[in-house]
Protein backbone atom coordinates (compact mmCIF):
# COMPACT_ATOMS: atom_id res chain seq x y z
CA MET A 1 -16.19 16.61 13.28
CA SER A 2 -15.75 20.00 15.41
CA GLU A 3 -18.06 23.21 14.16
CA LEU A 4 -14.90 24.58 12.58
CA GLU A 5 -14.12 21.28 10.53
CA ALA A 6 -17.62 21.39 9.66
CA ALA A 7 -17.64 24.97 8.35
CA ALA A 8 -14.28 24.36 6.47
CA ALA A 9 -15.77 21.41 4.84
CA ALA A 10 -18.88 23.07 3.57
CA LEU A 11 -16.75 26.27 2.05
CA GLU A 12 -13.72 24.23 0.46
CA PRO A 13 -13.94 23.60 -3.13
CA PRO A 14 -14.52 20.01 -4.38
CA PRO A 15 -11.77 17.07 -4.14
CA CYS A 16 -8.89 16.67 -6.59
CA PRO A 17 -10.14 14.49 -9.14
CA HIS A 18 -6.84 12.59 -9.35
CA CYS A 19 -6.07 11.98 -5.64
CA ALA A 20 -9.69 12.34 -4.12
CA LYS A 21 -8.37 14.57 -1.50
CA SER A 22 -9.10 18.03 -0.52
CA PRO A 23 -7.35 21.10 -1.99
CA SER A 24 -5.76 21.71 1.99
CA LEU A 25 -4.36 18.20 1.26
CA CYS A 26 -3.44 17.55 -2.34
CA VAL A 27 -0.06 17.34 -3.31
CA CYS A 28 -0.54 16.41 -7.31
CA ASP A 29 1.48 19.40 -8.11
CA ALA A 30 4.57 17.85 -6.33
CA VAL A 31 4.13 14.33 -8.25
CA VAL A 32 6.76 13.48 -10.71
CA PRO A 33 5.88 10.21 -12.27
CA VAL A 34 8.43 7.73 -12.28
CA ASP A 35 8.74 4.85 -15.00
CA THR A 36 9.44 1.34 -13.99
CA ARG A 37 9.76 -1.84 -15.64
CA ILE A 38 7.75 -3.91 -13.08
CA SER A 39 4.12 -3.03 -13.26
CA LEU A 40 1.85 -2.28 -10.14
CA LEU A 41 -1.76 -2.85 -9.78
CA ILE A 42 -3.42 -1.44 -6.72
CA LEU A 43 -6.87 -3.15 -5.87
CA GLN A 44 -8.83 -0.77 -3.37
CA HIS A 45 -11.95 -1.85 -1.62
CA PRO A 46 -15.00 0.18 -2.30
CA GLN A 47 -15.60 1.20 1.24
CA GLU A 48 -11.95 2.12 2.01
CA GLN A 49 -12.73 5.85 3.59
CA ASP A 50 -9.37 7.21 4.44
CA ARG A 51 -9.09 10.23 1.96
CA GLN A 52 -6.90 12.04 4.60
CA LEU A 53 -4.09 10.00 4.84
CA GLY A 54 -4.79 7.17 2.29
CA THR A 55 -1.92 6.89 -0.19
CA ALA A 56 -3.14 4.25 -3.11
CA ARG A 57 -4.32 7.07 -5.68
CA LEU A 58 -1.13 9.16 -5.20
CA ALA A 59 0.91 5.98 -5.52
CA HIS A 60 -1.07 5.55 -8.74
CA ARG A 61 -0.13 9.25 -9.92
CA ALA A 62 3.38 8.94 -9.07
CA LEU A 63 4.09 5.19 -11.12
CA LYS A 64 3.67 5.54 -14.74
CA ASN A 65 3.46 1.51 -14.72
CA SER A 66 0.50 1.18 -12.46
CA THR A 67 -3.02 0.52 -12.75
CA PHE A 68 -5.75 1.46 -9.80
CA LYS A 69 -8.76 -0.33 -9.48
CA ILE A 70 -11.85 0.13 -6.98
CA GLY A 71 -13.91 -3.07 -6.53
CA LEU A 72 -14.58 -6.16 -4.88
CA SER A 73 -13.53 -9.13 -7.48
CA TRP A 74 -12.29 -9.39 -10.81
CA PRO A 75 -12.24 -12.93 -12.73
CA SER A 76 -8.79 -12.73 -13.50
CA LEU A 77 -5.66 -10.60 -13.31
CA SER A 78 -6.32 -9.84 -16.84
CA LYS A 79 -9.56 -8.36 -16.24
CA ALA A 80 -8.44 -6.38 -13.27
CA LEU A 81 -5.51 -4.82 -15.22
CA GLY A 82 -7.47 -4.56 -18.42
CA ARG A 83 -5.07 -6.28 -20.57
CA GLU A 84 -3.48 -9.60 -20.86
CA ALA A 85 -1.27 -11.19 -18.08
CA GLU A 86 -0.62 -14.30 -16.32
CA ALA A 87 -0.76 -14.38 -12.69
CA ALA A 88 2.01 -16.88 -12.23
CA ASP A 89 4.25 -13.95 -13.32
CA TRP A 90 3.07 -11.53 -10.70
CA ALA A 91 3.47 -11.23 -6.99
CA VAL A 92 1.01 -10.38 -4.16
CA LEU A 93 2.16 -8.14 -1.29
CA HIS A 94 1.39 -10.13 1.90
CA LEU A 95 1.65 -8.15 4.94
CA GLY A 96 0.38 -10.58 7.73
CA ALA A 97 3.45 -13.13 7.12
CA ALA A 98 6.46 -11.63 8.85
CA THR A 99 8.21 -14.07 10.92
CA ALA A 100 11.20 -14.49 13.10
CA ASP A 101 12.80 -16.27 10.34
CA MET A 102 13.07 -13.35 7.93
CA PRO A 103 16.49 -13.25 6.04
CA GLY A 104 17.79 -10.17 8.02
CA ASP A 105 19.77 -8.65 4.64
CA ARG A 106 16.60 -8.70 2.84
CA GLU A 107 13.81 -6.16 2.79
CA VAL A 108 11.53 -8.00 0.31
CA VAL A 109 10.91 -11.83 0.66
CA VAL A 110 9.33 -14.35 -0.97
CA LEU A 111 7.04 -16.75 1.03
CA ASP A 112 5.80 -20.17 0.59
CA LYS A 113 2.05 -20.98 1.18
CA LYS A 114 2.68 -21.60 4.74
CA GLY A 115 4.18 -18.09 5.23
CA ASN A 116 8.11 -19.23 5.32
CA PRO A 117 10.68 -17.60 3.45
CA LEU A 118 11.69 -19.71 0.51
CA PRO A 119 15.36 -20.79 0.46
CA ASP A 120 16.60 -19.55 -2.66
CA GLN A 121 15.24 -16.18 -2.98
CA ASP A 122 17.35 -14.81 -5.81
CA ARG A 123 15.62 -17.42 -7.78
CA ALA A 124 11.92 -16.87 -6.50
CA LEU A 125 12.14 -13.19 -7.03
CA ALA A 126 13.21 -13.72 -10.61
CA GLY A 127 11.05 -12.99 -13.54
CA ILE A 128 8.14 -11.04 -11.65
CA ARG A 129 6.50 -8.75 -14.13
CA GLY A 130 4.03 -6.85 -11.79
CA VAL A 131 2.71 -6.57 -7.96
CA VAL A 132 -0.50 -6.45 -6.55
CA ILE A 133 -1.44 -4.59 -3.61
CA PHE A 134 -4.59 -4.39 -1.80
CA ASP A 135 -5.61 -1.10 -0.26
CA GLY A 136 -8.02 -0.83 2.70
CA SER A 137 -8.38 -2.10 6.40
CA TRP A 138 -7.51 -5.28 7.37
CA ALA A 139 -10.92 -6.79 7.06
CA GLN A 140 -11.17 -5.26 3.60
CA ALA A 141 -8.23 -6.40 2.37
CA LYS A 142 -8.94 -10.25 3.56
CA THR A 143 -12.43 -9.88 1.74
CA LEU A 144 -10.37 -8.80 -1.44
CA TRP A 145 -7.92 -11.94 -0.96
CA TRP A 146 -10.80 -14.62 -0.44
CA ARG A 147 -12.66 -12.96 -3.62
CA ASN A 148 -9.78 -12.97 -5.93
CA ALA A 149 -8.84 -16.51 -6.17
CA TRP A 150 -6.34 -15.92 -9.11
CA VAL A 151 -4.01 -14.26 -6.45
CA LEU A 152 -3.20 -17.60 -5.32
CA LYS A 153 -1.69 -18.47 -8.61
CA GLY A 154 1.21 -15.41 -7.82
CA ARG A 155 4.04 -15.49 -5.36
CA ARG A 156 3.75 -14.16 -2.02
CA LEU A 157 5.92 -10.95 -1.08
CA ALA A 158 6.43 -10.08 2.43
CA LEU A 159 8.22 -6.79 3.40
CA ASN A 160 10.82 -6.42 6.13
CA PRO A 161 11.65 -2.90 5.92
CA LYS A 162 14.76 -1.32 7.89
CA THR A 163 13.19 1.58 8.33
CA ALA A 164 9.90 2.49 9.92
CA SER A 165 6.76 4.33 8.18
CA LEU A 166 6.96 8.00 7.73
CA TYR A 167 3.48 7.72 9.22
CA GLY A 168 4.93 8.08 12.58
CA LYS A 169 2.54 9.24 15.20
CA LEU A 170 0.15 10.13 12.91
CA ARG A 171 -0.83 6.24 12.52
CA ARG A 172 0.61 4.04 14.93
CA GLU A 173 1.10 0.60 13.27
CA PRO A 174 0.97 -2.42 15.61
CA ARG A 175 3.97 -3.74 13.68
CA ARG A 176 7.16 -2.14 12.48
CA GLU A 177 7.02 -3.46 8.89
CA ALA A 178 3.46 -2.13 8.24
CA LEU A 179 3.83 0.89 5.70
CA SER A 180 1.41 2.99 3.65
CA THR A 181 0.50 1.75 0.21
CA ILE A 182 3.10 4.38 -1.64
CA GLU A 183 5.79 3.12 1.14
CA ALA A 184 5.17 -0.55 0.49
CA ALA A 185 4.97 0.23 -3.45
CA GLY A 186 8.16 2.23 -3.53
CA LEU A 187 10.13 -0.32 -1.26
CA THR A 188 9.12 -3.29 -3.31
CA LEU A 189 9.68 -1.86 -6.66
CA ALA A 190 13.10 -0.42 -5.84
CA ARG A 191 14.04 -3.59 -4.48
CA LEU A 192 12.85 -6.16 -7.48
CA GLU A 193 14.57 -3.41 -9.83
CA ARG A 194 17.44 -2.79 -7.76
CA LYS A 195 16.64 1.12 -8.34
CA PRO A 196 16.91 3.03 -4.97
CA ASP A 197 15.68 6.02 -6.60
CA ILE A 198 12.13 4.80 -7.10
CA GLU A 199 11.97 4.29 -3.25
CA THR A 200 13.45 7.76 -2.88
CA SER A 201 10.78 9.43 -5.20
CA LEU A 202 7.88 8.07 -3.36
CA ARG A 203 9.00 8.13 -0.02
CA ASN A 204 9.97 12.15 -0.60
CA LEU A 205 6.23 12.59 -2.20
CA PHE A 206 4.86 10.97 0.99
CA GLY A 207 6.82 13.23 3.10
CA VAL A 208 5.18 16.21 1.24
CA MET A 209 1.79 14.85 1.89
CA LEU A 210 2.25 14.36 5.53
CA ASP A 211 3.72 18.00 5.75
CA LYS A 212 0.57 19.21 4.32
CA TYR A 213 -1.51 17.14 6.34
CA ARG A 214 0.26 18.41 9.59
CA SER A 215 -0.47 21.88 8.29
CA ALA A 216 -3.90 21.21 7.94
CA LEU A 217 -4.62 19.82 11.22
CA ALA A 218 -2.66 22.46 12.88
CA GLU A 219 -5.05 25.02 11.08
CA GLY A 220 -8.34 22.66 12.05
CA LEU A 221 -9.00 21.72 8.50
CA VAL A 222 -8.63 18.39 8.94
CA SER A 223 -9.67 15.58 11.87
CA VAL A 224 -7.52 13.72 13.75
CA PRO A 225 -6.85 10.14 12.43
CA LYS A 226 -8.40 7.08 13.58
CA PRO A 227 -6.56 4.55 15.68
CA ALA A 228 -4.57 2.39 13.24
CA ALA A 229 -5.73 -0.86 15.44
CA LYS A 230 -8.70 -0.58 13.44
CA ARG A 231 -6.98 -0.73 10.23
CA ARG A 232 -4.39 -3.52 10.65
CA PRO A 233 -3.83 -6.86 11.90
CA GLN A 234 -2.51 -7.42 15.29
CA ASP A 235 -1.93 -10.91 17.48
CA ARG A 236 -1.76 -10.00 21.16
CA ARG A 237 0.47 -12.94 21.73
CA GLY A 238 2.89 -11.46 19.12
CA LYS A 239 2.47 -14.44 16.48
CA LYS A 240 1.59 -13.84 12.84
CA PRO A 241 -2.54 -14.15 11.98
CA LYS A 242 -3.77 -17.50 10.75
CA SER A 243 -4.35 -17.43 7.12
CA ALA A 244 -3.38 -13.73 6.68
CA PRO A 245 -4.12 -12.26 3.33
CA PRO A 246 -1.84 -9.62 1.64
CA ALA A 247 -2.45 -5.91 2.36
CA ALA A 248 -0.45 -2.93 2.38
C-alpha cells in the first residue's frame, strides 16, 4: 500500500455495513432489489479478503430472495438457509467443470457426477428451487465444497456464458466462463426463470460498481487488484481440474 493509499485509508469513514466496502466504492444507493422465484444461497469463506472487487454482498443486496452466510460448514442446507429445505431440490454452481461438450445453445447446463452434460437438459433443470454459490478463492471454494457434504445431493450447474465478465482487465480470468459472483447469480437465475431482466439488472449494477472502482483507482484511493490466477482454477494443459468443486 502506498503512502497516499495509507493516508486515505486512515481518513476514510468506516465501511458500509451492508456491502462492507469503503464509501469510495459503495454503490448501495444504486441497488434496486429484484424479486425471484428461485432462491439464492451465497456461502462465503471466512478468509475471503476481496473487499474492493468482491460482489457477494452486493448480489445479496440486489436479490430479495437470497441468503448470505459466512462460514466453513453447516450440517445441512436447512441450517445454512435458516429454514427448511431439501438439498435435492437445489443446485450448486460448478465453475470447474466446463468441457468441450457443453451445449452451444445453453448458458446454464446440468452436469452428471463426472462433469458431463446430462442428455435431457430441460428435464434436469425442471423443479430447481434454489441455487448455491460459493464465494472465495479457488482453494477456499474447494474447502467449502468438501466441508458441506449435503451439496452432493443437489444438481450441479455449469455456466457457458456467451459474453465475458465485465471485470475485463481489472481481473483477468484464466477461462472465459469465469464470472463474478453477481454476474454468475444473474445469469443463472435469468436462464432458470427465463427472465432476462434479472441478468440485466445485476449486470448493470456490477457495471456501476466497476465504474466507481476505476474512479477510485485513478484517484489513488484503492490499490491495484491482485492477479486473478491466484483466485481461479487453471490447468496448464487446457483440461478441467480433477474433482473440481463449485465456485463463482
